[in-house]
Amino acid sequence: MRIMNNVTLMIVVLALSASVQADEPPRTVNLKRLTLETAQAIAQGAVEACRQQGIQIGVTVVDRNGTVQAVLRDSIAAPITLEISRQKAYTAVNFNTATSQLASRADTPIGRVSGLVMVAGGLPVQAGGQLLGGVGVSGAPSGETDEMCAQAGIDQVLDDLEMSL
């Protein structure tokens, strides 16, 4: 009988300790990141989408921290497209929104922060409800076209990203 009570007591203690551990907040955060190959595929997809419209662009893909992962400049795209595309990608990832949605904030104190560009052409890369990175495009005749090419680049990998999460 005493052995049975000890076994029962152990089971109760183990059950309680497991529930206490489950209620504790996690001590770390797991973050998903784009692979280099995925970042390159996004950039190439954006270039190809703009080429189909006869437009030469610069495109930058950044990770979720805004650090550059991939950069492409088409043959005759202006050199300035690289810096502008980087800033658009950086802005999109920091605000986790399309830069076209930030245009009204461009002439505010936050819009004047160095390195931010609040015009169309930058998009966050999101999948499975997670921010994975950002893409910025520059060089098209309008920011809206830049944004369409950025979206085309994301669309190249979106299904695979969603399946991987």
N, C-alpha and C. Protein backbone atom coordinates (compact mmCIF):
# COMPACT_ATOMS: atom_id res chain seq x y z
N MET A 1 0.82 -1.20 0.00
CA MET A 1 0.00 0.00 0.00
C MET A 1 0.86 1.26 0.00
N ARG A 2 1.94 1.21 0.81
CA ARG A 2 2.82 2.36 0.91
C ARG A 2 3.51 2.64 -0.44
N ILE A 3 3.87 1.60 -1.17
CA ILE A 3 4.49 1.76 -2.48
C ILE A 3 3.51 2.42 -3.43
N MET A 4 2.27 2.02 -3.36
CA MET A 4 1.24 2.61 -4.21
C MET A 4 1.07 4.09 -3.91
N ASN A 5 1.11 4.49 -2.65
CA ASN A 5 0.98 5.90 -2.27
C ASN A 5 2.18 6.70 -2.77
N ASN A 6 3.39 6.11 -2.70
CA ASN A 6 4.58 6.80 -3.19
C ASN A 6 4.52 6.99 -4.71
N VAL A 7 4.05 5.97 -5.41
CA VAL A 7 3.91 6.07 -6.86
C VAL A 7 2.88 7.14 -7.21
N THR A 8 1.77 7.14 -6.52
CA THR A 8 0.73 8.14 -6.75
C THR A 8 1.27 9.53 -6.47
N LEU A 9 2.01 9.68 -5.38
CA LEU A 9 2.59 10.97 -5.04
C LEU A 9 3.57 11.43 -6.12
N MET A 10 4.40 10.53 -6.63
CA MET A 10 5.34 10.89 -7.69
C MET A 10 4.61 11.35 -8.96
N ILE A 11 3.55 10.66 -9.30
CA ILE A 11 2.78 11.04 -10.49
C ILE A 11 2.18 12.42 -10.32
N VAL A 12 1.66 12.71 -9.16
CA VAL A 12 1.08 14.03 -8.89
C VAL A 12 2.16 15.10 -8.96
N VAL A 13 3.32 14.85 -8.36
CA VAL A 13 4.42 15.83 -8.38
C VAL A 13 4.89 16.07 -9.81
N LEU A 14 5.06 15.03 -10.59
CA LEU A 14 5.47 15.19 -11.99
C LEU A 14 4.43 15.97 -12.80
N ALA A 15 3.18 15.67 -12.59
CA ALA A 15 2.12 16.38 -13.30
C ALA A 15 2.10 17.85 -12.94
N LEU A 16 2.27 18.16 -11.67
CA LEU A 16 2.28 19.56 -11.24
C LEU A 16 3.50 20.30 -11.77
N SER A 17 4.66 19.66 -11.74
CA SER A 17 5.86 20.34 -12.23
C SER A 17 5.77 20.57 -13.73
N ALA A 18 5.18 19.65 -14.46
CA ALA A 18 5.02 19.83 -15.91
C ALA A 18 4.09 20.98 -16.19
N SER A 19 3.02 21.12 -15.42
CA SER A 19 2.08 22.22 -15.68
C SER A 19 2.69 23.56 -15.29
N VAL A 20 3.53 23.59 -14.26
CA VAL A 20 4.19 24.83 -13.87
C VAL A 20 5.16 25.25 -14.97
N GLN A 21 5.92 24.30 -15.51
CA GLN A 21 6.85 24.62 -16.58
C GLN A 21 6.12 25.11 -17.83
N ALA A 22 4.99 24.53 -18.12
CA ALA A 22 4.23 24.92 -19.31
C ALA A 22 3.68 26.33 -19.18
N ASP A 23 3.42 26.78 -17.96
CA ASP A 23 2.86 28.11 -17.75
C ASP A 23 3.92 29.21 -17.75
N GLU A 24 5.19 28.83 -17.66
CA GLU A 24 6.25 29.82 -17.64
C GLU A 24 6.43 30.42 -19.03
N PRO A 25 6.69 31.72 -19.10
CA PRO A 25 6.92 32.33 -20.42
C PRO A 25 8.23 31.81 -21.01
N PRO A 26 8.30 31.73 -22.34
CA PRO A 26 9.54 31.26 -22.97
C PRO A 26 10.68 32.23 -22.71
N ARG A 27 11.87 31.72 -22.66
CA ARG A 27 13.05 32.54 -22.39
C ARG A 27 13.80 32.92 -23.67
N THR A 28 13.40 32.35 -24.78
CA THR A 28 14.02 32.68 -26.06
C THR A 28 12.92 32.85 -27.12
N VAL A 29 13.32 33.41 -28.25
CA VAL A 29 12.40 33.61 -29.37
C VAL A 29 13.01 32.94 -30.59
N ASN A 30 12.22 32.15 -31.29
CA ASN A 30 12.68 31.53 -32.53
C ASN A 30 12.30 32.43 -33.69
N LEU A 31 13.28 32.79 -34.49
CA LEU A 31 13.05 33.66 -35.64
C LEU A 31 13.36 32.91 -36.93
N LYS A 32 12.51 33.09 -37.91
CA LYS A 32 12.75 32.53 -39.23
C LYS A 32 13.43 33.61 -40.07
N ARG A 33 14.32 33.19 -40.94
CA ARG A 33 15.04 34.12 -41.81
C ARG A 33 14.99 33.61 -43.25
N LEU A 34 15.11 34.53 -44.18
CA LEU A 34 15.23 34.14 -45.58
C LEU A 34 16.60 33.52 -45.80
N THR A 35 16.64 32.49 -46.63
CA THR A 35 17.95 31.97 -47.05
C THR A 35 18.50 32.90 -48.13
N LEU A 36 19.78 32.79 -48.37
CA LEU A 36 20.40 33.57 -49.44
C LEU A 36 19.73 33.25 -50.77
N GLU A 37 19.47 31.97 -51.01
CA GLU A 37 18.86 31.56 -52.28
C GLU A 37 17.47 32.16 -52.45
N THR A 38 16.71 32.25 -51.37
CA THR A 38 15.38 32.85 -51.44
C THR A 38 15.48 34.34 -51.72
N ALA A 39 16.40 35.01 -51.04
CA ALA A 39 16.60 36.44 -51.27
C ALA A 39 17.01 36.70 -52.72
N GLN A 40 17.88 35.86 -53.26
CA GLN A 40 18.31 36.01 -54.65
C GLN A 40 17.15 35.78 -55.61
N ALA A 41 16.30 34.80 -55.31
CA ALA A 41 15.15 34.52 -56.17
C ALA A 41 14.17 35.68 -56.17
N ILE A 42 13.97 36.32 -55.03
CA ILE A 42 13.09 37.49 -54.95
C ILE A 42 13.66 38.61 -55.82
N ALA A 43 14.95 38.87 -55.67
CA ALA A 43 15.59 39.94 -56.45
C ALA A 43 15.50 39.66 -57.94
N GLN A 44 15.81 38.43 -58.34
CA GLN A 44 15.76 38.07 -59.76
C GLN A 44 14.34 38.17 -60.29
N GLY A 45 13.36 37.75 -59.51
CA GLY A 45 11.95 37.85 -59.92
C GLY A 45 11.52 39.28 -60.15
N ALA A 46 12.00 40.19 -59.31
CA ALA A 46 11.67 41.61 -59.47
C ALA A 46 12.29 42.17 -60.75
N VAL A 47 13.55 41.83 -60.99
CA VAL A 47 14.23 42.29 -62.21
C VAL A 47 13.49 41.79 -63.45
N GLU A 48 13.14 40.50 -63.45
CA GLU A 48 12.47 39.92 -64.61
C GLU A 48 11.09 40.56 -64.85
N ALA A 49 10.36 40.84 -63.78
CA ALA A 49 9.04 41.47 -63.92
C ALA A 49 9.17 42.85 -64.55
N CYS A 50 10.15 43.62 -64.14
CA CYS A 50 10.34 44.95 -64.72
C CYS A 50 10.87 44.87 -66.15
N ARG A 51 11.74 43.91 -66.42
CA ARG A 51 12.23 43.73 -67.78
C ARG A 51 11.10 43.45 -68.77
N GLN A 52 10.12 42.69 -68.33
CA GLN A 52 8.97 42.38 -69.20
C GLN A 52 8.22 43.65 -69.59
N GLN A 53 8.40 44.71 -68.81
CA GLN A 53 7.78 45.99 -69.12
C GLN A 53 8.77 46.95 -69.78
N GLY A 54 9.96 46.44 -70.08
CA GLY A 54 10.99 47.26 -70.72
C GLY A 54 11.66 48.22 -69.76
N ILE A 55 11.67 47.88 -68.48
CA ILE A 55 12.21 48.77 -67.45
C ILE A 55 13.43 48.11 -66.79
N GLN A 56 14.46 48.89 -66.60
CA GLN A 56 15.67 48.44 -65.92
C GLN A 56 15.68 49.02 -64.51
N ILE A 57 15.91 48.16 -63.51
CA ILE A 57 15.81 48.58 -62.12
C ILE A 57 17.01 48.12 -61.30
N GLY A 58 17.06 48.65 -60.09
CA GLY A 58 17.90 48.13 -59.03
C GLY A 58 16.97 47.54 -57.98
N VAL A 59 17.36 46.44 -57.37
CA VAL A 59 16.53 45.80 -56.35
C VAL A 59 17.43 45.34 -55.21
N THR A 60 16.93 45.51 -53.98
CA THR A 60 17.64 45.07 -52.79
C THR A 60 16.69 44.26 -51.93
N VAL A 61 17.18 43.14 -51.42
CA VAL A 61 16.42 42.32 -50.46
C VAL A 61 17.20 42.36 -49.15
N VAL A 62 16.48 42.67 -48.06
CA VAL A 62 17.10 42.72 -46.73
C VAL A 62 16.47 41.66 -45.83
N ASP A 63 17.19 41.28 -44.79
CA ASP A 63 16.63 40.35 -43.81
C ASP A 63 15.71 41.12 -42.87
N ARG A 64 15.15 40.44 -41.89
CA ARG A 64 14.17 41.06 -41.00
C ARG A 64 14.78 42.18 -40.15
N ASN A 65 16.11 42.27 -40.09
CA ASN A 65 16.77 43.35 -39.35
C ASN A 65 17.13 44.53 -40.26
N GLY A 66 16.89 44.39 -41.55
CA GLY A 66 17.24 45.45 -42.49
C GLY A 66 18.64 45.33 -43.06
N THR A 67 19.30 44.21 -42.80
CA THR A 67 20.65 43.99 -43.33
C THR A 67 20.54 43.39 -44.73
N VAL A 68 21.31 43.95 -45.65
CA VAL A 68 21.26 43.54 -47.05
C VAL A 68 21.64 42.07 -47.21
N GLN A 69 20.82 41.35 -47.99
CA GLN A 69 21.10 39.96 -48.33
C GLN A 69 21.38 39.78 -49.81
N ALA A 70 20.67 40.50 -50.66
CA ALA A 70 20.85 40.34 -52.11
C ALA A 70 20.63 41.69 -52.79
N VAL A 71 21.43 41.96 -53.79
CA VAL A 71 21.32 43.21 -54.56
C VAL A 71 21.55 42.89 -56.03
N LEU A 72 20.68 43.42 -56.88
CA LEU A 72 20.88 43.33 -58.33
C LEU A 72 20.61 44.69 -58.95
N ARG A 73 21.41 45.03 -59.95
CA ARG A 73 21.16 46.23 -60.76
C ARG A 73 21.22 45.78 -62.20
N ASP A 74 20.11 46.00 -62.91
CA ASP A 74 20.08 45.61 -64.31
C ASP A 74 21.08 46.44 -65.09
N SER A 75 21.41 45.99 -66.29
CA SER A 75 22.53 46.51 -67.08
C SER A 75 22.61 48.02 -67.21
N ILE A 76 21.49 48.67 -67.49
CA ILE A 76 21.56 50.12 -67.68
C ILE A 76 20.75 50.90 -66.65
N ALA A 77 20.39 50.25 -65.55
CA ALA A 77 19.71 50.97 -64.46
C ALA A 77 20.70 51.96 -63.86
N ALA A 78 20.21 53.11 -63.48
CA ALA A 78 21.07 54.15 -62.90
C ALA A 78 21.68 53.66 -61.58
N PRO A 79 22.92 54.03 -61.32
CA PRO A 79 23.57 53.61 -60.08
C PRO A 79 22.79 54.00 -58.81
N ILE A 80 22.10 55.11 -58.84
CA ILE A 80 21.35 55.58 -57.67
C ILE A 80 20.22 54.62 -57.28
N THR A 81 19.79 53.76 -58.22
CA THR A 81 18.71 52.83 -57.91
C THR A 81 19.10 51.87 -56.78
N LEU A 82 20.38 51.58 -56.64
CA LEU A 82 20.81 50.66 -55.59
C LEU A 82 20.58 51.24 -54.20
N GLU A 83 20.98 52.48 -53.99
CA GLU A 83 20.80 53.10 -52.67
C GLU A 83 19.32 53.32 -52.37
N ILE A 84 18.57 53.75 -53.36
CA ILE A 84 17.14 53.99 -53.12
C ILE A 84 16.42 52.66 -52.85
N SER A 85 16.75 51.61 -53.58
CA SER A 85 16.10 50.32 -53.35
C SER A 85 16.45 49.78 -51.96
N ARG A 86 17.69 49.98 -51.53
CA ARG A 86 18.08 49.55 -50.19
C ARG A 86 17.27 50.28 -49.12
N GLN A 87 17.12 51.59 -49.29
CA GLN A 87 16.38 52.38 -48.31
C GLN A 87 14.89 52.00 -48.31
N LYS A 88 14.34 51.71 -49.46
CA LYS A 88 12.93 51.27 -49.51
C LYS A 88 12.76 49.93 -48.79
N ALA A 89 13.66 48.99 -49.04
CA ALA A 89 13.59 47.69 -48.38
C ALA A 89 13.74 47.85 -46.87
N TYR A 90 14.69 48.67 -46.45
CA TYR A 90 14.94 48.93 -45.02
C TYR A 90 13.71 49.55 -44.36
N THR A 91 13.08 50.49 -45.04
CA THR A 91 11.89 51.14 -44.49
C THR A 91 10.74 50.14 -44.39
N ALA A 92 10.53 49.34 -45.43
CA ALA A 92 9.43 48.36 -45.42
C ALA A 92 9.58 47.38 -44.28
N VAL A 93 10.78 46.90 -44.04
CA VAL A 93 10.98 45.91 -42.99
C VAL A 93 10.87 46.56 -41.60
N ASN A 94 11.30 47.78 -41.46
CA ASN A 94 11.23 48.42 -40.15
C ASN A 94 9.82 48.81 -39.75
N PHE A 95 8.98 49.12 -40.73
CA PHE A 95 7.58 49.45 -40.44
C PHE A 95 6.65 48.27 -40.71
N ASN A 96 7.20 47.20 -41.27
CA ASN A 96 6.43 45.99 -41.60
C ASN A 96 5.19 46.34 -42.42
N THR A 97 5.39 47.19 -43.40
CA THR A 97 4.30 47.60 -44.29
C THR A 97 4.88 48.08 -45.61
N ALA A 98 4.02 48.14 -46.61
CA ALA A 98 4.44 48.69 -47.91
C ALA A 98 4.82 50.16 -47.74
N THR A 99 5.90 50.56 -48.37
CA THR A 99 6.32 51.96 -48.24
C THR A 99 5.29 52.90 -48.87
N SER A 100 4.49 52.40 -49.79
CA SER A 100 3.43 53.25 -50.38
C SER A 100 2.41 53.66 -49.32
N GLN A 101 2.29 52.87 -48.25
CA GLN A 101 1.35 53.19 -47.18
C GLN A 101 1.91 54.24 -46.22
N LEU A 102 3.17 54.61 -46.39
CA LEU A 102 3.83 55.55 -45.49
C LEU A 102 3.97 56.95 -46.08
N ALA A 103 3.53 57.14 -47.31
CA ALA A 103 3.74 58.42 -48.00
C ALA A 103 3.23 59.62 -47.19
N SER A 104 2.13 59.45 -46.49
CA SER A 104 1.59 60.57 -45.72
C SER A 104 2.48 60.93 -44.53
N ARG A 105 3.38 60.06 -44.16
CA ARG A 105 4.28 60.31 -43.02
C ARG A 105 5.64 60.85 -43.46
N ALA A 106 5.84 60.97 -44.78
CA ALA A 106 7.15 61.37 -45.30
C ALA A 106 7.58 62.74 -44.80
N ASP A 107 6.66 63.67 -44.66
CA ASP A 107 7.01 65.03 -44.23
C ASP A 107 6.71 65.23 -42.75
N THR A 108 7.05 64.22 -41.95
CA THR A 108 6.92 64.31 -40.49
C THR A 108 8.30 64.05 -39.90
N PRO A 109 8.47 64.29 -38.62
CA PRO A 109 9.79 64.02 -38.04
C PRO A 109 10.28 62.58 -38.29
N ILE A 110 9.40 61.62 -38.20
CA ILE A 110 9.83 60.23 -38.44
C ILE A 110 10.18 60.01 -39.91
N GLY A 111 9.50 60.69 -40.79
CA GLY A 111 9.77 60.57 -42.22
C GLY A 111 11.09 61.19 -42.63
N ARG A 112 11.62 62.03 -41.78
CA ARG A 112 12.90 62.68 -42.07
C ARG A 112 14.09 61.96 -41.43
N VAL A 113 13.86 60.80 -40.83
CA VAL A 113 14.95 60.01 -40.27
C VAL A 113 15.83 59.52 -41.41
N SER A 114 17.11 59.72 -41.27
CA SER A 114 18.05 59.33 -42.31
C SER A 114 17.93 57.84 -42.61
N GLY A 115 17.90 57.51 -43.90
CA GLY A 115 17.86 56.11 -44.33
C GLY A 115 16.47 55.59 -44.62
N LEU A 116 15.42 56.36 -44.31
CA LEU A 116 14.06 55.94 -44.60
C LEU A 116 13.58 56.59 -45.89
N VAL A 117 12.87 55.81 -46.70
CA VAL A 117 12.26 56.33 -47.92
C VAL A 117 10.80 55.91 -47.90
N MET A 118 9.92 56.89 -47.84
CA MET A 118 8.49 56.62 -47.70
C MET A 118 7.74 56.93 -48.97
N VAL A 119 8.15 56.25 -50.04
CA VAL A 119 7.45 56.31 -51.32
C VAL A 119 7.29 54.87 -51.80
N ALA A 120 6.38 54.65 -52.72
CA ALA A 120 6.09 53.29 -53.19
C ALA A 120 7.33 52.62 -53.76
N GLY A 121 7.39 51.29 -53.55
CA GLY A 121 8.48 50.49 -54.10
C GLY A 121 9.13 49.56 -53.10
N GLY A 122 8.74 49.65 -51.84
CA GLY A 122 9.29 48.76 -50.82
C GLY A 122 8.18 47.93 -50.20
N LEU A 123 8.43 46.63 -50.02
CA LEU A 123 7.43 45.73 -49.44
C LEU A 123 8.08 44.83 -48.40
N PRO A 124 7.34 44.53 -47.32
CA PRO A 124 7.85 43.51 -46.41
C PRO A 124 7.66 42.13 -47.03
N VAL A 125 8.51 41.21 -46.69
CA VAL A 125 8.35 39.81 -47.10
C VAL A 125 7.79 39.09 -45.87
N GLN A 126 6.57 38.60 -46.00
CA GLN A 126 5.88 37.95 -44.89
C GLN A 126 5.36 36.59 -45.34
N ALA A 127 5.41 35.64 -44.42
CA ALA A 127 4.82 34.32 -44.68
C ALA A 127 4.49 33.71 -43.33
N GLY A 128 3.40 32.99 -43.28
CA GLY A 128 3.00 32.34 -42.05
C GLY A 128 2.82 33.31 -40.90
N GLY A 129 2.44 34.54 -41.20
CA GLY A 129 2.25 35.55 -40.17
C GLY A 129 3.55 36.10 -39.59
N GLN A 130 4.67 35.81 -40.24
CA GLN A 130 5.96 36.28 -39.75
C GLN A 130 6.64 37.21 -40.74
N LEU A 131 7.29 38.21 -40.20
CA LEU A 131 8.11 39.10 -41.02
C LEU A 131 9.45 38.41 -41.25
N LEU A 132 9.80 38.22 -42.53
CA LEU A 132 11.03 37.52 -42.88
C LEU A 132 12.08 38.45 -43.48
N GLY A 133 11.64 39.56 -44.05
CA GLY A 133 12.57 40.46 -44.70
C GLY A 133 11.83 41.55 -45.43
N GLY A 134 12.53 42.22 -46.32
CA GLY A 134 11.93 43.28 -47.12
C GLY A 134 12.60 43.35 -48.48
N VAL A 135 11.87 43.90 -49.45
CA VAL A 135 12.41 44.08 -50.79
C VAL A 135 12.10 45.50 -51.24
N GLY A 136 13.08 46.13 -51.87
CA GLY A 136 12.89 47.47 -52.40
C GLY A 136 13.32 47.50 -53.86
N VAL A 137 12.56 48.22 -54.66
CA VAL A 137 12.84 48.36 -56.08
C VAL A 137 12.88 49.85 -56.43
N SER A 138 13.81 50.22 -57.29
CA SER A 138 13.92 51.60 -57.76
C SER A 138 14.34 51.60 -59.22
N GLY A 139 13.81 52.56 -59.97
CA GLY A 139 14.22 52.72 -61.36
C GLY A 139 13.07 52.76 -62.34
N ALA A 140 11.90 52.32 -61.94
CA ALA A 140 10.74 52.37 -62.84
C ALA A 140 10.24 53.81 -62.91
N PRO A 141 9.43 54.13 -63.92
CA PRO A 141 8.92 55.49 -64.04
C PRO A 141 8.03 55.94 -62.87
N SER A 142 7.49 54.98 -62.10
CA SER A 142 6.67 55.35 -60.95
C SER A 142 6.93 54.38 -59.81
N GLY A 143 6.67 54.85 -58.61
CA GLY A 143 6.80 53.99 -57.44
C GLY A 143 5.83 52.83 -57.47
N GLU A 144 4.68 53.06 -58.06
CA GLU A 144 3.68 51.98 -58.15
C GLU A 144 4.22 50.82 -59.00
N THR A 145 4.93 51.16 -60.09
CA THR A 145 5.53 50.11 -60.92
C THR A 145 6.66 49.43 -60.16
N ASP A 146 7.46 50.21 -59.42
CA ASP A 146 8.49 49.62 -58.57
C ASP A 146 7.85 48.59 -57.63
N GLU A 147 6.73 48.97 -57.02
CA GLU A 147 6.06 48.09 -56.06
C GLU A 147 5.51 46.83 -56.74
N MET A 148 4.98 46.98 -57.95
CA MET A 148 4.48 45.82 -58.67
C MET A 148 5.61 44.83 -58.95
N CYS A 149 6.79 45.34 -59.31
CA CYS A 149 7.93 44.47 -59.58
C CYS A 149 8.43 43.82 -58.28
N ALA A 150 8.42 44.57 -57.19
CA ALA A 150 8.79 43.99 -55.89
C ALA A 150 7.84 42.86 -55.52
N GLN A 151 6.55 43.07 -55.73
CA GLN A 151 5.56 42.04 -55.42
C GLN A 151 5.76 40.81 -56.31
N ALA A 152 6.10 41.03 -57.57
CA ALA A 152 6.37 39.91 -58.47
C ALA A 152 7.55 39.08 -57.97
N GLY A 153 8.55 39.75 -57.42
CA GLY A 153 9.69 39.02 -56.85
C GLY A 153 9.26 38.18 -55.65
N ILE A 154 8.46 38.75 -54.78
CA ILE A 154 7.95 38.00 -53.61
C ILE A 154 7.10 36.83 -54.08
N ASP A 155 6.26 37.08 -55.08
CA ASP A 155 5.37 36.02 -55.58
C ASP A 155 6.15 34.81 -56.10
N GLN A 156 7.39 35.02 -56.54
CA GLN A 156 8.23 33.91 -57.03
C GLN A 156 8.46 32.86 -55.95
N VAL A 157 8.47 33.28 -54.68
CA VAL A 157 8.84 32.37 -53.60
C VAL A 157 7.76 32.19 -52.54
N LEU A 158 6.68 32.94 -52.63
CA LEU A 158 5.70 32.98 -51.54
C LEU A 158 5.10 31.61 -51.22
N ASP A 159 4.71 30.85 -52.21
CA ASP A 159 4.14 29.53 -51.93
C ASP A 159 5.13 28.64 -51.19
N ASP A 160 6.37 28.65 -51.63
CA ASP A 160 7.40 27.84 -50.96
C ASP A 160 7.63 28.32 -49.53
N LEU A 161 7.63 29.64 -49.32
CA LEU A 161 7.80 30.17 -47.97
C LEU A 161 6.65 29.73 -47.07
N GLU A 162 5.43 29.87 -47.58
CA GLU A 162 4.26 29.50 -46.78
C GLU A 162 4.31 28.01 -46.43
N MET A 163 4.73 27.19 -47.35
CA MET A 163 4.79 25.74 -47.09
C MET A 163 5.88 25.39 -46.09
N SER A 164 6.93 26.21 -46.02
CA SER A 164 8.05 25.90 -45.13
C SER A 164 7.80 26.32 -43.68
N LEU A 165 6.77 27.13 -43.46
CA LEU A 165 6.53 27.61 -42.08
C LEU A 165 5.46 26.85 -41.38
